[in-house]
Protein backbone atom coordinates (compact mmCIF):
# COMPACT_ATOMS: atom_id res chain seq x y z
CA UNK A 1 -1.63 -0.20 -41.80
CA UNK A 2 2.09 0.40 -40.61
CA UNK A 3 3.05 0.43 -36.85
CA UNK A 4 5.50 2.80 -35.70
CA UNK A 5 7.85 2.37 -32.80
CA UNK A 6 7.48 4.49 -29.78
CA UNK A 7 10.38 6.59 -30.98
CA UNK A 8 8.99 7.21 -34.61
CA UNK A 9 5.63 8.11 -32.91
CA UNK A 10 7.46 10.47 -30.73
CA UNK A 11 9.32 11.89 -33.83
CA UNK A 12 6.23 12.40 -35.62
CA UNK A 13 4.42 14.08 -32.97
CA UNK A 14 7.29 16.54 -32.24
CA UNK A 15 7.37 17.27 -35.98
CA UNK A 16 3.48 18.01 -36.15
CA UNK A 17 3.73 20.08 -32.79
CA UNK A 18 6.64 22.00 -34.25
CA UNK A 19 4.79 22.82 -37.48
CA UNK A 20 1.57 23.61 -35.63
CA UNK A 21 3.75 26.00 -33.26
CA UNK A 22 5.51 27.63 -36.18
CA UNK A 23 2.06 28.19 -38.11
CA UNK A 24 0.40 29.63 -35.00
CA UNK A 25 3.39 31.85 -34.00
CA UNK A 26 3.54 33.11 -37.68
CA UNK A 27 -0.16 33.97 -37.71
CA UNK A 28 0.10 35.60 -34.33
CA UNK A 29 3.14 37.53 -35.40
CA UNK A 30 1.42 38.94 -38.71
CA UNK A 31 -1.72 39.98 -36.57
CA UNK A 32 0.58 41.65 -33.82
CA UNK A 33 2.32 43.36 -36.78
CA UNK A 34 -1.13 44.38 -38.37
CA UNK A 35 -2.03 45.59 -34.92
CA UNK A 36 0.85 47.51 -34.11
CA UNK A 37 0.74 49.35 -37.75
CA UNK A 38 -2.89 50.26 -37.30
CA UNK A 39 -2.33 51.42 -33.64
CA UNK A 40 0.71 53.48 -34.80
CA UNK A 41 -1.10 55.09 -37.87
CA UNK A 42 -4.05 56.11 -35.63
CA UNK A 43 -1.80 57.69 -32.88
CA UNK A 44 0.22 59.57 -35.51
CA UNK A 45 -2.81 60.66 -37.46
CA UNK A 46 -5.23 61.19 -34.33
CA UNK A 47 -5.27 64.84 -35.03
CA UNK A 48 -5.59 64.74 -38.86
CA UNK A 49 -9.67 65.26 -38.73
CA UNK A 50 -9.50 68.03 -36.10
CA UNK A 51 -7.07 69.78 -38.29
CA UNK A 52 -9.32 69.74 -41.29
CA UNK A 53 -12.16 70.55 -39.45
CA UNK A 54 -10.34 73.60 -37.89
CA UNK A 55 -8.63 74.99 -40.90
CA UNK A 56 -11.05 74.60 -43.83
CA UNK A 57 -14.36 76.12 -44.53
CA UNK A 58 -16.63 73.13 -45.61
CA UNK A 59 -19.95 74.75 -44.56
CA UNK A 60 -21.64 77.52 -43.25
CA UNK A 61 -25.12 78.23 -41.85
CA UNK A 62 -26.56 77.93 -44.98
CA UNK A 63 -25.03 74.50 -45.63
CA UNK A 64 -22.07 72.66 -47.25
CA UNK A 65 -19.62 74.21 -49.54
CA UNK A 66 -19.29 71.85 -52.36
CA UNK A 67 -16.24 73.38 -54.28
CA UNK A 68 -14.39 73.67 -50.80
CA UNK A 69 -15.17 69.93 -50.19
CA UNK A 70 -13.83 69.01 -53.68
CA UNK A 71 -10.69 71.18 -53.38
CA UNK A 72 -10.18 69.39 -49.90
CA UNK A 73 -10.72 65.98 -51.02
CA UNK A 74 -8.28 66.62 -54.04
CA UNK A 75 -5.63 68.08 -51.78
CA UNK A 76 -5.73 65.04 -49.37
CA UNK A 77 -5.71 62.45 -52.07
CA UNK A 78 -2.65 64.03 -53.72
CA UNK A 79 -0.72 64.33 -50.24
CA UNK A 80 -1.87 60.77 -48.97
CA UNK A 81 -3.67 58.55 -51.12
CA UNK A 82 -4.35 55.85 -48.44
CA UNK A 83 -6.66 58.12 -46.38
CA UNK A 84 -10.36 58.56 -47.19
CA UNK A 85 -12.15 61.60 -45.95
CA UNK A 86 -16.08 61.54 -45.26
CA UNK A 87 -18.28 64.14 -44.09
CA UNK A 88 -20.98 63.02 -41.89
CA UNK A 89 -24.05 64.68 -40.41
CA UNK A 90 -25.37 64.62 -36.75
CA UNK A 91 -26.45 61.08 -37.28
CA UNK A 92 -23.54 59.62 -38.96
CA UNK A 93 -25.20 59.75 -42.53
CA UNK A 94 -22.41 60.37 -45.12
CA UNK A 95 -22.98 63.65 -46.94
CA UNK A 96 -19.82 63.97 -48.88
CA UNK A 97 -16.66 61.82 -49.61
CA UNK A 98 -13.28 62.02 -51.34
CA UNK A 99 -13.79 58.27 -52.45
CA UNK A 100 -13.30 57.85 -55.96
CA UNK A 101 -15.93 54.87 -56.35
CA UNK A 102 -19.64 54.16 -54.99
CA UNK A 103 -19.99 53.66 -51.34
CA UNK A 104 -21.09 50.56 -50.15
CA UNK A 105 -23.01 51.89 -47.06
CA UNK A 106 -24.29 55.43 -46.38
CA UNK A 107 -24.24 55.24 -42.78
CA UNK A 108 -21.66 55.09 -39.91
CA UNK A 109 -21.99 54.10 -36.59
CA UNK A 110 -20.90 56.85 -34.19
CA UNK A 111 -20.24 54.94 -31.01
CA UNK A 112 -16.56 54.46 -32.06
CA UNK A 113 -16.28 58.20 -32.80
CA UNK A 114 -17.57 59.05 -29.28
CA UNK A 115 -15.01 56.50 -27.84
CA UNK A 116 -12.34 58.10 -29.92
CA UNK A 117 -13.38 61.89 -28.91
CA UNK A 118 -13.61 60.48 -25.36
CA UNK A 119 -9.81 59.39 -25.21
CA UNK A 120 -10.60 55.57 -25.09
CA UNK A 121 -7.53 53.27 -25.56
CA UNK A 122 -6.27 52.69 -29.04
CA UNK A 123 -6.63 51.19 -31.47
CA UNK A 124 -10.31 51.80 -32.21
CA UNK A 125 -12.02 50.65 -35.23
CA UNK A 126 -14.77 52.47 -37.30
CA UNK A 127 -17.11 51.58 -40.09
CA UNK A 128 -15.60 51.52 -43.63
CA UNK A 129 -18.28 53.16 -46.14
CA UNK A 130 -16.53 51.39 -48.84
CA UNK A 131 -17.15 47.71 -47.46
CA UNK A 132 -20.40 46.35 -46.32
CA UNK A 133 -18.81 44.97 -42.93
CA UNK A 134 -15.31 46.13 -42.89
CA UNK A 135 -13.90 48.19 -40.09
CA UNK A 136 -10.60 50.43 -40.09
CA UNK A 137 -8.82 52.75 -37.99
CA UNK A 138 -9.71 56.32 -38.23
CA UNK A 139 -9.71 59.84 -37.26
CA UNK A 140 -12.71 62.00 -36.44
CA UNK A 141 -13.45 65.43 -35.28
CA UNK A 142 -16.56 67.35 -34.60
CA UNK A 143 -17.64 70.09 -37.44
CA UNK A 144 -18.85 73.22 -35.85
CA UNK A 145 -20.40 76.34 -37.14
CA UNK A 146 -20.00 78.75 -34.50
CA UNK A 147 -20.79 76.79 -31.45
CA UNK A 148 -23.24 74.46 -33.12
CA UNK A 149 -22.15 70.80 -34.01
CA UNK A 150 -23.18 70.27 -37.81
CA UNK A 151 -21.50 66.77 -38.20
CA UNK A 152 -18.08 64.98 -38.25
CA UNK A 153 -15.02 65.03 -40.31
CA UNK A 154 -14.62 61.41 -40.54
CA UNK A 155 -11.06 59.83 -41.87
CA UNK A 156 -10.47 56.44 -42.75
CA UNK A 157 -6.59 56.19 -42.23
CA UNK A 158 -5.75 52.95 -44.19
CA UNK A 159 -8.35 52.96 -47.24
CA UNK A 160 -8.35 50.68 -50.10
CA UNK A 161 -5.45 52.24 -51.83
CA UNK A 162 -3.49 50.82 -48.75
CA UNK A 163 -5.12 47.57 -48.99
CA UNK A 164 -4.13 47.01 -52.62
CA UNK A 165 -0.60 48.31 -52.31
CA UNK A 166 -0.39 45.80 -49.18
CA UNK A 167 -1.64 43.05 -51.46
CA UNK A 168 0.99 43.86 -54.05
CA UNK A 169 3.87 43.69 -51.52
CA UNK A 170 2.46 40.44 -50.30
CA UNK A 171 3.13 38.99 -53.70
CA UNK A 172 6.30 40.61 -54.25
CA UNK A 173 9.55 38.37 -54.45
CA UNK A 174 10.58 40.12 -50.90
CA UNK A 175 7.80 38.59 -49.19
CA UNK A 176 8.37 35.05 -50.91
CA UNK A 177 12.18 35.22 -50.16
CA UNK A 178 11.38 35.78 -46.40
CA UNK A 179 8.79 33.01 -46.29
CA UNK A 180 11.43 30.76 -47.98
CA UNK A 181 13.89 31.71 -45.56
CA UNK A 182 11.43 31.07 -42.80
CA UNK A 183 10.74 27.57 -44.07
CA UNK A 184 14.40 26.64 -44.39
CA UNK A 185 14.92 27.73 -40.87
CA UNK A 186 11.77 25.77 -39.85
CA UNK A 187 13.06 22.55 -41.44
CA UNK A 188 16.64 22.98 -40.10
CA UNK A 189 15.34 23.30 -36.79
CA UNK A 190 13.22 20.19 -37.37
CA UNK A 191 16.04 18.23 -38.60
CA UNK A 192 18.40 19.20 -35.79
CA UNK A 193 15.63 18.40 -33.41
CA UNK A 194 14.81 14.96 -34.64
CA UNK A 195 18.58 14.22 -34.47
CA UNK A 196 18.83 15.36 -30.79
CA UNK A 197 15.61 13.51 -30.15
CA UNK A 198 17.05 10.25 -31.45
CA UNK A 199 20.44 10.77 -29.39
CA UNK A 200 18.26 11.20 -26.37
CA UNK A 201 16.08 8.21 -27.00
CA UNK A 202 18.81 5.92 -28.00
CA UNK A 203 19.12 4.30 -24.37
CA UNK A 204 15.10 3.89 -24.47
CA UNK A 205 15.79 1.86 -27.84
CA UNK A 206 18.53 0.14 -26.25
CA UNK A 207 16.34 -0.85 -23.30
CA UNK A 208 13.44 -2.12 -25.73
CA UNK A 209 15.87 -4.41 -27.60
CA UNK A 210 17.13 -5.75 -24.15
CA UNK A 211 13.52 -6.63 -23.13
CA UNK A 212 12.70 -8.12 -26.41
CA UNK A 213 15.43 -10.39 -26.14
CA UNK A 214 15.32 -11.03 -22.72
CA UNK A 215 15.74 -14.63 -21.67
CA UNK A 216 14.35 -16.11 -18.29
CA UNK A 217 17.91 -17.88 -17.52
CA UNK A 218 19.47 -14.38 -17.06
CA UNK A 219 22.42 -14.93 -19.39
CA UNK A 220 21.93 -11.56 -20.95
CA UNK A 221 21.84 -9.49 -17.87
CA UNK A 222 25.65 -9.30 -17.14
CA UNK A 223 25.93 -6.44 -19.65
CA UNK A 224 22.70 -4.88 -18.71
CA UNK A 225 23.09 -4.42 -15.07
CA UNK A 226 26.42 -5.74 -13.28
CA UNK A 227 26.08 -6.27 -9.49
CA UNK A 228 27.39 -2.82 -8.56
CA UNK A 229 25.43 -1.05 -11.58
CA UNK A 230 21.98 -0.80 -9.84
CA UNK A 231 22.91 0.35 -6.20
CA UNK A 232 22.57 4.21 -6.88
CA UNK A 233 18.98 4.22 -8.20
CA UNK A 234 17.97 6.56 -5.90
CA UNK A 235 20.53 9.30 -6.87
CA UNK A 236 19.83 9.13 -10.55
CA UNK A 237 17.71 12.18 -12.18
CA UNK A 238 17.42 10.51 -15.66
CA UNK A 239 14.03 8.71 -16.05
CA UNK A 240 15.36 6.25 -18.73
CA UNK A 241 18.35 5.42 -16.85
CA UNK A 242 16.18 4.84 -13.65
CA UNK A 243 13.79 2.56 -15.80
CA UNK A 244 16.54 0.65 -17.15
CA UNK A 245 18.32 0.14 -13.83
CA UNK A 246 14.90 -0.92 -12.40
CA UNK A 247 14.27 -3.43 -15.21
CA UNK A 248 17.74 -4.80 -14.51
CA UNK A 249 16.92 -5.46 -10.98
CA UNK A 250 13.57 -6.82 -11.78
CA UNK A 251 15.22 -9.29 -14.33
CA UNK A 252 17.94 -10.32 -11.84
CA UNK A 253 15.42 -10.87 -9.38
CA UNK A 254 13.28 -13.04 -11.99
CA UNK A 255 16.59 -14.81 -13.04
CA UNK A 256 17.61 -15.68 -9.49
CA UNK A 257 14.05 -16.90 -8.60
CA UNK A 258 14.30 -19.08 -11.75
CA UNK A 259 17.57 -20.71 -10.97
CA UNK A 260 16.19 -21.19 -7.44
CA UNK A 261 13.01 -22.74 -8.92
CA UNK A 262 15.43 -25.05 -11.07
CA UNK A 263 17.38 -26.02 -7.91
CA UNK A 264 14.24 -27.09 -6.09
CA UNK A 265 12.98 -28.88 -8.90
CA UNK A 266 16.29 -30.83 -9.19
CA UNK A 267 16.26 -31.35 -5.41
CA UNK A 268 12.67 -32.57 -5.69
CA UNK A 269 13.71 -35.12 -8.35
CA UNK A 270 16.80 -36.37 -6.36
CA UNK A 271 14.41 -36.65 -3.12
CA UNK A 272 11.84 -38.86 -5.02
CA UNK A 273 14.83 -40.86 -6.42
CA UNK A 274 16.00 -41.45 -2.81
CA UNK A 275 12.90 -42.29 -1.62
CA UNK A 276 12.27 -44.59 -4.19
CA UNK A 277 15.43 -46.33 -3.41
CA UNK A 278 14.61 -46.38 0.53
CA UNK A 279 11.25 -47.91 -0.20
CA UNK A 280 12.53 -50.53 -2.77
CA UNK A 281 15.18 -51.93 -0.55
CA UNK A 282 13.10 -52.72 2.37
CA UNK A 283 9.91 -53.88 0.08
CA UNK A 284 12.49 -56.12 -1.63
CA UNK A 285 13.67 -57.62 1.56
CA UNK A 286 10.12 -58.04 3.18
CA UNK A 287 8.96 -59.59 0.02
CA UNK A 288 11.92 -61.87 0.01
CA UNK A 289 11.60 -63.03 3.48
CA UNK A 290 7.75 -63.55 3.35
CA UNK A 291 8.13 -65.43 -0.04
CA UNK A 292 10.68 -67.67 1.57
CA UNK A 293 8.35 -68.58 4.67
CA UNK A 294 5.52 -69.16 2.36
CA UNK A 295 7.55 -71.53 0.41
CA UNK A 296 9.71 -73.28 2.75
CA UNK A 297 7.84 -72.46 5.83
CA UNK A 298 7.21 -76.24 6.69
CA UNK A 299 11.11 -77.18 6.36
CA UNK A 300 12.02 -74.41 8.65
CA UNK A 301 12.62 -74.88 12.23
CA UNK A 302 10.66 -72.51 14.96
CA UNK A 303 13.98 -70.44 15.23
CA UNK A 304 14.50 -69.50 11.86
CA UNK A 305 10.95 -68.97 11.08
CA UNK A 306 10.99 -66.50 13.99
CA UNK A 307 13.99 -64.99 12.70
CA UNK A 308 12.65 -64.33 9.16
CA UNK A 309 9.51 -62.98 10.65
CA UNK A 310 11.25 -60.55 13.00
CA UNK A 311 13.36 -59.37 9.92
CA UNK A 312 10.12 -59.02 7.80
CA UNK A 313 8.60 -56.92 10.73
CA UNK A 314 11.53 -54.63 10.90
CA UNK A 315 11.50 -53.88 7.29
CA UNK A 316 7.74 -53.43 7.38
CA UNK A 317 8.24 -50.90 10.35
CA UNK A 318 10.87 -49.17 8.00
CA UNK A 319 8.34 -48.58 5.43
CA UNK A 320 5.73 -47.70 7.68
CA UNK A 321 7.95 -44.99 8.93
CA UNK A 322 9.03 -43.78 5.60
CA UNK A 323 5.45 -43.48 4.64
CA UNK A 324 4.32 -41.78 7.71
CA UNK A 325 7.23 -39.10 7.08
CA UNK A 326 6.37 -38.83 3.48
CA UNK A 327 2.75 -37.99 4.37
CA UNK A 328 3.63 -35.62 7.16
CA UNK A 329 6.14 -33.66 4.73
CA UNK A 330 3.57 -33.50 2.05
CA UNK A 331 0.88 -32.12 4.52
CA UNK A 332 3.72 -29.26 5.47
CA UNK A 333 4.72 -28.71 1.89
CA UNK A 334 1.00 -28.45 0.61
CA UNK A 335 0.06 -25.68 3.05
CA UNK A 336 -2.90 -27.15 4.61
CA UNK A 337 -1.23 -27.72 7.88
CA UNK A 338 -0.63 -24.23 9.50
CA UNK A 339 0.77 -23.59 13.05
CA UNK A 340 -1.84 -23.06 15.94
CA UNK A 341 0.33 -21.07 18.42
CA UNK A 342 0.20 -21.13 22.07
CA UNK A 343 1.98 -19.91 25.05
CA UNK A 344 4.03 -22.85 26.95
CA UNK A 345 7.27 -23.46 28.96
CA UNK A 346 9.88 -24.84 26.47
CA UNK A 347 12.09 -26.46 29.62
CA UNK A 348 9.09 -28.13 30.39
CA UNK A 349 8.61 -29.52 26.94
CA UNK A 350 12.20 -30.48 26.37
CA UNK A 351 12.25 -32.56 29.65
CA UNK A 352 9.11 -34.49 28.37
CA UNK A 353 10.95 -35.13 25.08
CA UNK A 354 14.06 -36.26 26.92
CA UNK A 355 12.06 -38.86 28.94
CA UNK A 356 10.20 -40.20 25.88
CA UNK A 357 13.79 -40.80 24.39
CA UNK A 358 15.60 -41.91 27.32
CA UNK A 359 14.96 -45.51 26.72
CA UNK A 360 16.49 -45.55 23.27
CA UNK A 361 19.62 -43.67 24.57
CA UNK A 362 20.03 -46.20 27.45
CA UNK A 363 19.77 -49.10 25.07
CA UNK A 364 22.85 -47.43 23.13
CA UNK A 365 24.59 -46.51 26.40
CA UNK A 366 24.33 -42.67 25.71
CA UNK A 367 23.86 -39.94 28.26
CA UNK A 368 21.16 -37.20 27.73
CA UNK A 369 21.74 -33.95 29.45
CA UNK A 370 19.72 -30.81 29.68
CA UNK A 371 21.26 -27.33 30.42
CA UNK A 372 18.54 -24.65 31.02
CA UNK A 373 19.26 -20.98 31.70
CA UNK A 374 17.50 -19.46 34.57
CA UNK A 375 14.19 -17.39 34.01
CA UNK A 376 13.51 -18.36 30.58
CA UNK A 377 10.50 -16.78 29.10
CA UNK A 378 7.49 -18.77 27.79
CA UNK A 379 7.45 -19.22 23.91
CA UNK A 380 4.79 -18.94 21.52
CA UNK A 381 4.42 -21.81 18.97
CA UNK A 382 2.48 -24.95 18.08
CA UNK A 383 3.27 -27.00 20.77
CA UNK A 384 2.79 -30.31 18.78
CA UNK A 385 5.12 -29.03 15.82
CA UNK A 386 7.94 -28.06 18.12
CA UNK A 387 7.78 -31.35 19.95
CA UNK A 388 8.04 -33.12 16.60
CA UNK A 389 11.33 -30.95 15.95
CA UNK A 390 12.83 -31.93 19.24
CA UNK A 391 11.77 -35.31 18.79
CA UNK A 392 13.51 -35.53 15.21
CA UNK A 393 16.66 -33.87 16.45
CA UNK A 394 17.33 -36.04 19.25
CA UNK A 395 16.33 -39.20 17.37
CA UNK A 396 19.22 -38.11 14.76
CA UNK A 397 21.35 -37.51 17.75
CA UNK A 398 21.08 -40.72 19.13
CA UNK A 399 21.26 -42.66 15.91
CA UNK A 400 24.36 -41.10 15.07
CA UNK A 401 26.34 -41.17 18.52
CA UNK A 402 28.62 -43.79 19.27
CA UNK A 403 28.23 -46.14 22.63
CA UNK A 404 28.76 -43.91 25.60
CA UNK A 405 28.13 -40.57 23.77
CA UNK A 406 26.83 -37.52 25.06
CA UNK A 407 23.74 -35.77 23.69
CA UNK A 408 22.86 -32.34 25.22
CA UNK A 409 19.74 -29.88 24.89
CA UNK A 410 20.73 -26.22 25.65
CA UNK A 411 18.36 -23.41 26.22
CA UNK A 412 19.71 -19.63 26.55
CA UNK A 413 17.69 -16.46 26.15
CA UNK A 414 18.69 -14.92 22.98
CA UNK A 415 18.06 -11.56 21.08
CA UNK A 416 15.04 -13.33 19.29
CA UNK A 417 13.57 -15.19 21.95
CA UNK A 418 14.69 -18.54 23.36
CA UNK A 419 17.76 -20.26 21.36
CA UNK A 420 17.82 -24.14 21.29
CA UNK A 421 20.84 -26.04 20.81
CA UNK A 422 20.92 -29.88 20.34
CA UNK A 423 24.50 -31.29 20.03
CA UNK A 424 25.98 -34.76 20.18
CA UNK A 425 29.58 -36.47 20.33
CA UNK A 426 29.00 -38.30 16.98
CA UNK A 427 31.25 -38.08 13.70
CA UNK A 428 29.46 -34.56 12.73
CA UNK A 429 28.09 -33.79 9.33
CA UNK A 430 30.37 -34.01 6.35
CA UNK A 431 31.10 -30.72 4.27
CA UNK A 432 29.58 -32.13 1.15
CA UNK A 433 26.49 -32.95 2.92
CA UNK A 434 25.73 -29.73 4.51
CA UNK A 435 24.42 -27.68 1.41
CA UNK A 436 21.27 -30.04 0.96
CA UNK A 437 21.26 -31.37 4.49
CA UNK A 438 17.82 -29.66 5.05
CA UNK A 439 16.53 -29.81 1.52
CA UNK A 440 16.44 -33.68 0.67
CA UNK A 441 16.63 -37.10 2.65
CA UNK A 442 19.66 -37.75 4.48
CA UNK A 443 22.68 -38.96 2.64
CA UNK A 444 24.84 -39.70 5.54
CA UNK A 445 24.38 -43.37 5.39
CA UNK A 446 24.56 -45.92 8.10
CA UNK A 447 21.87 -46.02 10.64
CA UNK A 448 20.09 -43.23 9.48
CA UNK A 449 19.08 -44.85 6.14
CA UNK A 450 18.82 -48.28 7.77
CA UNK A 451 16.56 -47.15 10.46
CA UNK A 452 14.42 -44.52 8.97
CA UNK A 453 13.67 -42.62 5.76
CA UNK A 454 16.07 -39.69 6.24
CA UNK A 455 13.22 -37.11 6.12
CA UNK A 456 13.56 -35.96 9.78
CA UNK A 457 15.64 -32.91 9.09
CA UNK A 458 13.70 -31.95 5.99
CA UNK A 459 10.63 -32.08 8.32
CA UNK A 460 12.49 -30.13 11.11
CA UNK A 461 13.27 -27.33 8.51
CA UNK A 462 9.83 -26.89 7.24
CA UNK A 463 8.26 -26.84 10.59
CA UNK A 464 10.61 -23.78 11.81
CA UNK A 465 10.09 -22.19 8.46
CA UNK A 466 6.28 -22.17 9.48
CA UNK A 467 7.28 -20.43 12.89
CA UNK A 468 9.45 -17.83 10.93
CA UNK A 469 12.48 -19.35 12.27
CA UNK A 470 15.44 -21.16 10.78
CA UNK A 471 17.79 -24.17 11.78
CA UNK A 472 21.43 -24.00 11.03
CA UNK A 473 24.23 -26.44 11.73
CA UNK A 474 27.14 -24.63 13.62
CA UNK A 475 30.70 -25.95 14.51
CA UNK A 476 31.49 -26.31 18.32
CA UNK A 477 35.03 -27.84 19.18
CA UNK A 478 34.84 -31.49 20.78
CA UNK A 479 31.66 -32.10 19.37
CA UNK A 480 29.80 -33.56 16.70
CA UNK A 481 26.72 -32.15 14.93
CA UNK A 482 25.31 -29.06 16.53
CA UNK A 483 22.05 -27.73 15.56
CA UNK A 484 20.51 -24.37 16.57
CA UNK A 485 17.31 -22.50 16.15
CA UNK A 486 15.28 -19.87 17.84
CA UNK A 487 11.61 -19.72 19.29
CA UNK A 488 9.91 -16.13 19.68
CA UNK A 489 8.95 -15.17 23.04
CA UNK A 490 5.39 -14.78 24.20
CA UNK A 491 3.98 -11.29 24.31
CA UNK A 492 1.20 -11.81 26.82
């Protein structure tokens, strides 16, 4: 079975509906014309039966006058062949008629006659004695002898002669010409309507082609919806244009999400490559020194053996830290770890973290400074996770600041809660490394990669995302790296 497109199905439906509408309209028009003709004839001839009854001596007290009846029928048939005159008794029985052929029924229902005489709305239809079930418009009047009702004069206004003539006219060339004219006009309207319909649905077909050839990389979207083309969707009134622009918006979002997933996949691959490199280096060093101790342990003096063991232990600690960071990041990325918010004082937490990092800073001859604003509101967050954020940032600042450097933690009241700023006096972050600073292991080199796996900032970024916050690297004169984030205040 052939499958039609939406435009083709709509065109077929339009053609069928137009054909049905034209047919119904033609039938209704013919019926209206017929009814109009019948009502007109009945109104014009309403007094015909009364005129006959009052001006013709069709009967006396002794009964009907056959000769007078025949003369009347002959005159009426000569003047108007379409009428048929019947004489009825009081019960509606046909007692005489001017019909040239045999009657099909000899009884006429008197109810329509009484309605006509009572002045009911026209047209009214009465029994046709020449048809077993037909009904025709008529004229009727009571037939009286003196003051006594003897029966009725019953005139069928559109008799069989009229019906035969109407049938002949229906078969004539005039009617055929009229019908052909109507058919040609109908097909012309249908053809023009289909062309107009095709022009109207052309944007829909174009959208269908675009959807059919849509690629997830978004390459086909430039012509479909430039950045400014979907700005006024709410002002449009054309449904197809609204649909096209809505699809363009959806496609652009899908394409952007696809590109973002591609970037994230690439970053994840780079992360795996970097972590593999970071693991391979200390493991190779650890393996080498342990192998040296195993092979040459007896020939080494105590000082050399101790030095080799210290180096091996240092590399082992680095592998352990990297493994711990990987495990922590994997738990954060998997979604199994969710914050357990509580209300606490952020200045007190910062003081605790500063005390924990104080020995590492003193070993490098660095200064830890706290600058807290007055009347800071308590924050609502996961205490352990925020402690981890502060520890990673301070550890990162200590490892990148030179001897004698200054590391400062500033707390201020902000529009979103409490603003936290951690800064150092190190060399800062190169511009080339800023875009991926929180997305993959640190590529800053130096002690960052020697002492740890470089995942500290990635973990910080993920923890703050779970708190509906974001960390930013800002530029401050006379300072190195400056990290800024905000925490929501407690509503209690």
